[in-house]
């Protein structure tokens, strides 16, 4: 091929941040799951910091819920 002015090509796949080396956003997703379904806060499947953050967020919500009909 044609000689380029650079030595390396960086993969910049749109929409695939993990392919670019970004760590998964598990904490945020787990907190979102717990505030969406508060029964998950009692599950040992979620780390304690996730459950504590979900409780903190829900304590600031009217009705201790992010839903509009609770």
PDB file of N, CA and C in Angstrom:
ATOM      1  N   UNK A   1       0.793  -1.178   0.000  1.00  0.00           N
ATOM      2  CA  UNK A   1       0.000   0.000   0.000  1.00  0.00           C
ATOM      3  C   UNK A   1       0.845   1.256   0.000  1.00  0.00           C
ATOM      4  N   UNK A   2       0.178   2.338   0.090  1.00  0.00           N
ATOM      5  CA  UNK A   2       0.793   3.660   0.081  1.00  0.00           C
ATOM      6  C   UNK A   2       1.383   3.964   1.450  1.00  0.00           C
ATOM      7  N   UNK A   3       2.575   4.515   1.489  1.00  0.00           N
ATOM      8  CA  UNK A   3       3.250   4.903   2.725  1.00  0.00           C
ATOM      9  C   UNK A   3       2.502   6.067   3.364  1.00  0.00           C
ATOM     10  N   UNK A   4       2.192   5.929   4.650  1.00  0.00           N
ATOM     11  CA  UNK A   4       1.458   6.962   5.392  1.00  0.00           C
ATOM     12  C   UNK A   4       2.409   7.713   6.318  1.00  0.00           C
ATOM     13  N   UNK A   5       1.964   8.860   6.811  1.00  0.00           N
ATOM     14  CA  UNK A   5       2.806   9.688   7.682  1.00  0.00           C
ATOM     15  C   UNK A   5       2.697   9.276   9.148  1.00  0.00           C
ATOM     16  N   UNK A   6       2.095   8.127   9.421  1.00  0.00           N
ATOM     17  CA  UNK A   6       1.965   7.630  10.790  1.00  0.00           C
ATOM     18  C   UNK A   6       2.308   6.146  10.809  1.00  0.00           C
ATOM     19  N   UNK A   7       2.651   5.643  12.005  1.00  0.00           N
ATOM     20  CA  UNK A   7       3.066   4.252  12.138  1.00  0.00           C
ATOM     21  C   UNK A   7       1.959   3.326  12.601  1.00  0.00           C
ATOM     22  N   UNK A   8       1.027   3.859  13.379  1.00  0.00           N
ATOM     23  CA  UNK A   8      -0.024   3.029  13.964  1.00  0.00           C
ATOM     24  C   UNK A   8      -1.406   3.541  13.593  1.00  0.00           C
ATOM     25  N   UNK A   9      -2.347   2.611  13.579  1.00  0.00           N
ATOM     26  CA  UNK A   9      -3.749   2.957  13.378  1.00  0.00           C
ATOM     27  C   UNK A   9      -4.466   2.668  14.687  1.00  0.00           C
ATOM     28  N   UNK A  10      -5.220   3.642  15.172  1.00  0.00           N
ATOM     29  CA  UNK A  10      -5.988   3.474  16.400  1.00  0.00           C
ATOM     30  C   UNK A  10      -7.404   3.086  16.022  1.00  0.00           C
ATOM     31  N   UNK A  11      -7.886   1.985  16.591  1.00  0.00           N
ATOM     32  CA  UNK A  11      -9.264   1.579  16.340  1.00  0.00           C
ATOM     33  C   UNK A  11     -10.191   2.567  17.036  1.00  0.00           C
ATOM     34  N   UNK A  12     -11.087   3.140  16.297  1.00  0.00           N
ATOM     35  CA  UNK A  12     -12.034   4.108  16.859  1.00  0.00           C
ATOM     36  C   UNK A  12     -13.450   3.711  16.458  1.00  0.00           C
ATOM     37  N   UNK A  13     -13.789   2.477  16.779  1.00  0.00           N
ATOM     38  CA  UNK A  13     -15.109   1.972  16.421  1.00  0.00           C
ATOM     39  C   UNK A  13     -16.182   2.760  17.150  1.00  0.00           C
ATOM     40  N   UNK A  14     -17.047   3.381  16.422  1.00  0.00           N
ATOM     41  CA  UNK A  14     -18.129   4.166  17.013  1.00  0.00           C
ATOM     42  C   UNK A  14     -19.071   3.226  17.748  1.00  0.00           C
ATOM     43  N   UNK A  15     -19.373   3.555  18.993  1.00  0.00           N
ATOM     44  CA  UNK A  15     -20.322   2.773  19.768  1.00  0.00           C
ATOM     45  C   UNK A  15     -19.727   1.572  20.470  1.00  0.00           C
ATOM     46  N   UNK A  16     -18.424   1.363  20.384  1.00  0.00           N
ATOM     47  CA  UNK A  16     -17.815   0.225  21.058  1.00  0.00           C
ATOM     48  C   UNK A  16     -16.679   0.715  21.947  1.00  0.00           C
ATOM     49  N   UNK A  17     -17.061   1.368  23.030  1.00  0.00           N
ATOM     50  CA  UNK A  17     -16.067   1.945  23.935  1.00  0.00           C
ATOM     51  C   UNK A  17     -15.184   0.886  24.575  1.00  0.00           C
ATOM     52  N   UNK A  18     -15.722  -0.305  24.799  1.00  0.00           N
ATOM     53  CA  UNK A  18     -14.924  -1.364  25.425  1.00  0.00           C
ATOM     54  C   UNK A  18     -13.797  -1.815  24.504  1.00  0.00           C
ATOM     55  N   UNK A  19     -14.026  -1.782  23.205  1.00  0.00           N
ATOM     56  CA  UNK A  19     -12.963  -2.118  22.260  1.00  0.00           C
ATOM     57  C   UNK A  19     -11.844  -1.087  22.313  1.00  0.00           C
ATOM     58  N   UNK A  20     -12.187   0.117  22.782  1.00  0.00           N
ATOM     59  CA  UNK A  20     -11.196   1.184  22.901  1.00  0.00           C
ATOM     60  C   UNK A  20     -10.478   1.155  24.243  1.00  0.00           C
ATOM     61  N   UNK A  21     -10.863   0.210  25.117  1.00  0.00           N
ATOM     62  CA  UNK A  21     -10.192   0.077  26.397  1.00  0.00           C
ATOM     63  C   UNK A  21     -10.922   0.691  27.577  1.00  0.00           C
ATOM     64  N   UNK A  22     -12.119   1.235  27.353  1.00  0.00           N
ATOM     65  CA  UNK A  22     -12.887   1.802  28.470  1.00  0.00           C
ATOM     66  C   UNK A  22     -13.402   0.682  29.353  1.00  0.00           C
ATOM     67  N   UNK A  23     -13.295   0.886  30.660  1.00  0.00           N
ATOM     68  CA  UNK A  23     -13.805  -0.106  31.598  1.00  0.00           C
ATOM     69  C   UNK A  23     -15.330  -0.101  31.560  1.00  0.00           C
ATOM     70  N   UNK A  24     -15.958  -1.249  31.785  1.00  0.00           N
ATOM     71  CA  UNK A  24     -17.424  -1.299  31.817  1.00  0.00           C
ATOM     72  C   UNK A  24     -17.984  -0.378  32.902  1.00  0.00           C
ATOM     73  N   UNK A  25     -19.164   0.154  32.652  1.00  0.00           N
ATOM     74  CA  UNK A  25     -19.798   1.062  33.607  1.00  0.00           C
ATOM     75  C   UNK A  25     -20.776   0.282  34.483  1.00  0.00           C
ATOM     76  N   UNK A  26     -20.301  -0.807  35.034  1.00  0.00           N
ATOM     77  CA  UNK A  26     -21.134  -1.704  35.835  1.00  0.00           C
ATOM     78  C   UNK A  26     -21.761  -1.005  37.031  1.00  0.00           C
ATOM     79  N   UNK A  27     -20.999  -0.185  37.745  1.00  0.00           N
ATOM     80  CA  UNK A  27     -21.512   0.479  38.943  1.00  0.00           C
ATOM     81  C   UNK A  27     -22.760   1.293  38.612  1.00  0.00           C
ATOM     82  N   UNK A  28     -22.669   2.108  37.586  1.00  0.00           N
ATOM     83  CA  UNK A  28     -23.797   2.963  37.203  1.00  0.00           C
ATOM     84  C   UNK A  28     -24.999   2.119  36.799  1.00  0.00           C
ATOM     85  N   UNK A  29     -24.762   1.079  36.025  1.00  0.00           N
ATOM     86  CA  UNK A  29     -25.856   0.212  35.587  1.00  0.00           C
ATOM     87  C   UNK A  29     -26.500  -0.516  36.763  1.00  0.00           C
ATOM     88  N   UNK A  30     -25.692  -0.947  37.705  1.00  0.00           N
ATOM     89  CA  UNK A  30     -26.231  -1.656  38.865  1.00  0.00           C
ATOM     90  C   UNK A  30     -27.044  -0.717  39.755  1.00  0.00           C
ATOM     91  N   UNK A  31     -26.566   0.504  39.949  1.00  0.00           N
ATOM     92  CA  UNK A  31     -27.319   1.481  40.747  1.00  0.00           C
ATOM     93  C   UNK A  31     -28.639   1.789  40.052  1.00  0.00           C
ATOM     94  N   UNK A  32     -28.608   1.980  38.754  1.00  0.00           N
ATOM     95  CA  UNK A  32     -29.830   2.250  38.002  1.00  0.00           C
ATOM     96  C   UNK A  32     -30.829   1.106  38.149  1.00  0.00           C
ATOM     97  N   UNK A  33     -30.340  -0.126  38.101  1.00  0.00           N
ATOM     98  CA  UNK A  33     -31.220  -1.286  38.283  1.00  0.00           C
ATOM     99  C   UNK A  33     -31.859  -1.259  39.667  1.00  0.00           C
ATOM    100  N   UNK A  34     -31.074  -0.948  40.678  1.00  0.00           N
ATOM    101  CA  UNK A  34     -31.582  -0.949  42.060  1.00  0.00           C
ATOM    102  C   UNK A  34     -32.574   0.172  42.328  1.00  0.00           C
ATOM    103  N   UNK A  35     -32.363   1.347  41.746  1.00  0.00           N
ATOM    104  CA  UNK A  35     -33.333   2.418  41.970  1.00  0.00           C
ATOM    105  C   UNK A  35     -34.598   2.193  41.145  1.00  0.00           C
ATOM    106  N   UNK A  36     -34.469   1.486  40.038  1.00  0.00           N
ATOM    107  CA  UNK A  36     -35.641   1.171  39.217  1.00  0.00           C
ATOM    108  C   UNK A  36     -36.484   0.081  39.852  1.00  0.00           C
ATOM    109  N   UNK A  37     -35.822  -0.854  40.528  1.00  0.00           N
ATOM    110  CA  UNK A  37     -36.516  -1.948  41.220  1.00  0.00           C
ATOM    111  C   UNK A  37     -35.918  -2.068  42.618  1.00  0.00           C
ATOM    112  N   UNK A  38     -36.441  -1.302  43.579  1.00  0.00           N
ATOM    113  CA  UNK A  38     -35.864  -1.257  44.924  1.00  0.00           C
ATOM    114  C   UNK A  38     -35.765  -2.611  45.627  1.00  0.00           C
ATOM    115  N   UNK A  39     -36.511  -3.610  45.195  1.00  0.00           N
ATOM    116  CA  UNK A  39     -36.390  -4.929  45.822  1.00  0.00           C
ATOM    117  C   UNK A  39     -34.998  -5.516  45.601  1.00  0.00           C
ATOM    118  N   UNK A  40     -34.294  -5.037  44.594  1.00  0.00           N
ATOM    119  CA  UNK A  40     -32.941  -5.526  44.314  1.00  0.00           C
ATOM    120  C   UNK A  40     -31.929  -5.053  45.354  1.00  0.00           C
ATOM    121  N   UNK A  41     -32.264  -4.006  46.093  1.00  0.00           N
ATOM    122  CA  UNK A  41     -31.347  -3.469  47.102  1.00  0.00           C
ATOM    123  C   UNK A  41     -31.060  -4.508  48.182  1.00  0.00           C
ATOM    124  N   UNK A  42     -31.995  -5.401  48.411  1.00  0.00           N
ATOM    125  CA  UNK A  42     -31.810  -6.445  49.426  1.00  0.00           C
ATOM    126  C   UNK A  42     -31.078  -7.665  48.892  1.00  0.00           C
ATOM    127  N   UNK A  43     -30.753  -7.661  47.614  1.00  0.00           N
ATOM    128  CA  UNK A  43     -30.088  -8.805  46.996  1.00  0.00           C
ATOM    129  C   UNK A  43     -28.580  -8.759  47.231  1.00  0.00           C
ATOM    130  N   UNK A  44     -28.021  -9.887  47.602  1.00  0.00           N
ATOM    131  CA  UNK A  44     -26.565  -9.963  47.789  1.00  0.00           C
ATOM    132  C   UNK A  44     -25.844 -10.056  46.444  1.00  0.00           C
ATOM    133  N   UNK A  45     -26.599 -10.071  45.361  1.00  0.00           N
ATOM    134  CA  UNK A  45     -25.996 -10.105  44.024  1.00  0.00           C
ATOM    135  C   UNK A  45     -25.332  -8.775  43.674  1.00  0.00           C
ATOM    136  N   UNK A  46     -25.706  -7.721  44.415  1.00  0.00           N
ATOM    137  CA  UNK A  46     -25.151  -6.398  44.152  1.00  0.00           C
ATOM    138  C   UNK A  46     -24.176  -6.024  45.259  1.00  0.00           C
ATOM    139  N   UNK A  47     -23.056  -5.388  44.899  1.00  0.00           N
ATOM    140  CA  UNK A  47     -22.080  -4.971  45.912  1.00  0.00           C
ATOM    141  C   UNK A  47     -22.691  -3.973  46.897  1.00  0.00           C
ATOM    142  N   UNK A  48     -22.143  -3.935  48.096  1.00  0.00           N
ATOM    143  CA  UNK A  48     -22.696  -3.066  49.139  1.00  0.00           C
ATOM    144  C   UNK A  48     -22.642  -1.591  48.752  1.00  0.00           C
ATOM    145  N   UNK A  49     -21.592  -1.161  48.033  1.00  0.00           N
ATOM    146  CA  UNK A  49     -21.523   0.254  47.646  1.00  0.00           C
ATOM    147  C   UNK A  49     -22.623   0.617  46.654  1.00  0.00           C
ATOM    148  N   UNK A  50     -23.007  -0.320  45.811  1.00  0.00           N
ATOM    149  CA  UNK A  50     -24.109  -0.101  44.870  1.00  0.00           C
ATOM    150  C   UNK A  50     -25.416   0.046  45.637  1.00  0.00           C
ATOM    151  N   UNK A  51     -25.648  -0.848  46.595  1.00  0.00           N
ATOM    152  CA  UNK A  51     -26.888  -0.819  47.368  1.00  0.00           C
ATOM    153  C   UNK A  51     -26.976   0.449  48.218  1.00  0.00           C
ATOM    154  N   UNK A  52     -25.849   0.867  48.784  1.00  0.00           N
ATOM    155  CA  UNK A  52     -25.833   2.095  49.590  1.00  0.00           C
ATOM    156  C   UNK A  52     -26.131   3.323  48.734  1.00  0.00           C
ATOM    157  N   UNK A  53     -25.555   3.374  47.544  1.00  0.00           N
ATOM    158  CA  UNK A  53     -25.798   4.524  46.664  1.00  0.00           C
ATOM    159  C   UNK A  53     -27.255   4.563  46.220  1.00  0.00           C
ATOM    160  N   UNK A  54     -27.820   3.400  45.911  1.00  0.00           N
ATOM    161  CA  UNK A  54     -29.230   3.341  45.512  1.00  0.00           C
ATOM    162  C   UNK A  54     -30.123   3.823  46.651  1.00  0.00           C
ATOM    163  N   UNK A  55     -29.819   3.394  47.876  1.00  0.00           N
ATOM    164  CA  UNK A  55     -30.590   3.839  49.046  1.00  0.00           C
ATOM    165  C   UNK A  55     -30.492   5.355  49.212  1.00  0.00           C
ATOM    166  N   UNK A  56     -29.293   5.890  49.046  1.00  0.00           N
ATOM    167  CA  UNK A  56     -29.085   7.332  49.170  1.00  0.00           C
ATOM    168  C   UNK A  56     -29.916   8.085  48.133  1.00  0.00           C
ATOM    169  N   UNK A  57     -29.882   7.623  46.901  1.00  0.00           N
ATOM    170  CA  UNK A  57     -30.649   8.280  45.843  1.00  0.00           C
ATOM    171  C   UNK A  57     -32.150   8.189  46.104  1.00  0.00           C
ATOM    172  N   UNK A  58     -32.609   7.019  46.510  1.00  0.00           N
ATOM    173  CA  UNK A  58     -34.039   6.838  46.765  1.00  0.00           C
ATOM    174  C   UNK A  58     -34.513   7.641  47.972  1.00  0.00           C
ATOM    175  N   UNK A  59     -33.621   7.859  48.939  1.00  0.00           N
ATOM    176  CA  UNK A  59     -34.018   8.633  50.121  1.00  0.00           C
ATOM    177  C   UNK A  59     -34.336  10.081  49.762  1.00  0.00           C
ATOM    178  N   UNK A  60     -33.823  10.539  48.644  1.00  0.00           N
ATOM    179  CA  UNK A  60     -34.101  11.893  48.192  1.00  0.00           C
ATOM    180  C   UNK A  60     -35.303  11.996  47.271  1.00  0.00           C
ATOM    181  N   UNK A  61     -35.937  10.863  47.003  1.00  0.00           N
ATOM    182  CA  UNK A  61     -37.096  10.836  46.103  1.00  0.00           C
ATOM    183  C   UNK A  61     -38.387  10.718  46.901  1.00  0.00           C
ATOM    184  N   UNK A  62     -39.389  11.485  46.498  1.00  0.00           N
ATOM    185  CA  UNK A  62     -40.693  11.368  47.133  1.00  0.00           C
ATOM    186  C   UNK A  62     -41.238   9.959  46.982  1.00  0.00           C
ATOM    187  N   UNK A  63     -41.722   9.403  48.072  1.00  0.00           N
ATOM    188  CA  UNK A  63     -42.242   8.043  48.024  1.00  0.00           C
ATOM    189  C   UNK A  63     -41.165   6.983  47.974  1.00  0.00           C
ATOM    190  N   UNK A  64     -39.906   7.414  48.132  1.00  0.00           N
ATOM    191  CA  UNK A  64     -38.771   6.476  48.096  1.00  0.00           C
ATOM    192  C   UNK A  64     -38.783   5.667  46.795  1.00  0.00           C
ATOM    193  N   UNK A  65     -39.138   6.340  45.686  1.00  0.00           N
ATOM    194  CA  UNK A  65     -39.266   5.670  44.396  1.00  0.00           C
ATOM    195  C   UNK A  65     -38.969   6.652  43.267  1.00  0.00           C
ATOM    196  N   UNK A  66     -38.400   6.146  42.173  1.00  0.00           N
ATOM    197  CA  UNK A  66     -38.184   6.982  40.997  1.00  0.00           C
ATOM    198  C   UNK A  66     -39.391   6.928  40.067  1.00  0.00           C
ATOM    199  N   UNK A  67     -40.351   6.069  40.393  1.00  0.00           N
ATOM    200  CA  UNK A  67     -41.557   5.943  39.572  1.00  0.00           C
ATOM    201  C   UNK A  67     -42.546   7.061  39.845  1.00  0.00           C
ATOM    202  N   UNK A  68     -43.425   7.288  38.911  1.00  0.00           N
ATOM    203  CA  UNK A  68     -44.393   8.373  39.068  1.00  0.00           C
ATOM    204  C   UNK A  68     -45.703   7.913  39.697  1.00  0.00           C
ATOM    205  N   UNK A  69     -45.903   6.616  39.848  1.00  0.00           N
ATOM    206  CA  UNK A  69     -47.176   6.111  40.367  1.00  0.00           C
ATOM    207  C   UNK A  69     -47.036   5.377  41.687  1.00  0.00           C
ATOM    208  N   UNK A  70     -46.025   5.685  42.462  1.00  0.00           N
ATOM    209  CA  UNK A  70     -45.853   5.015  43.755  1.00  0.00           C
ATOM    210  C   UNK A  70     -46.097   5.964  44.871  1.00  0.00           C
TER     211      UNK A  70
END
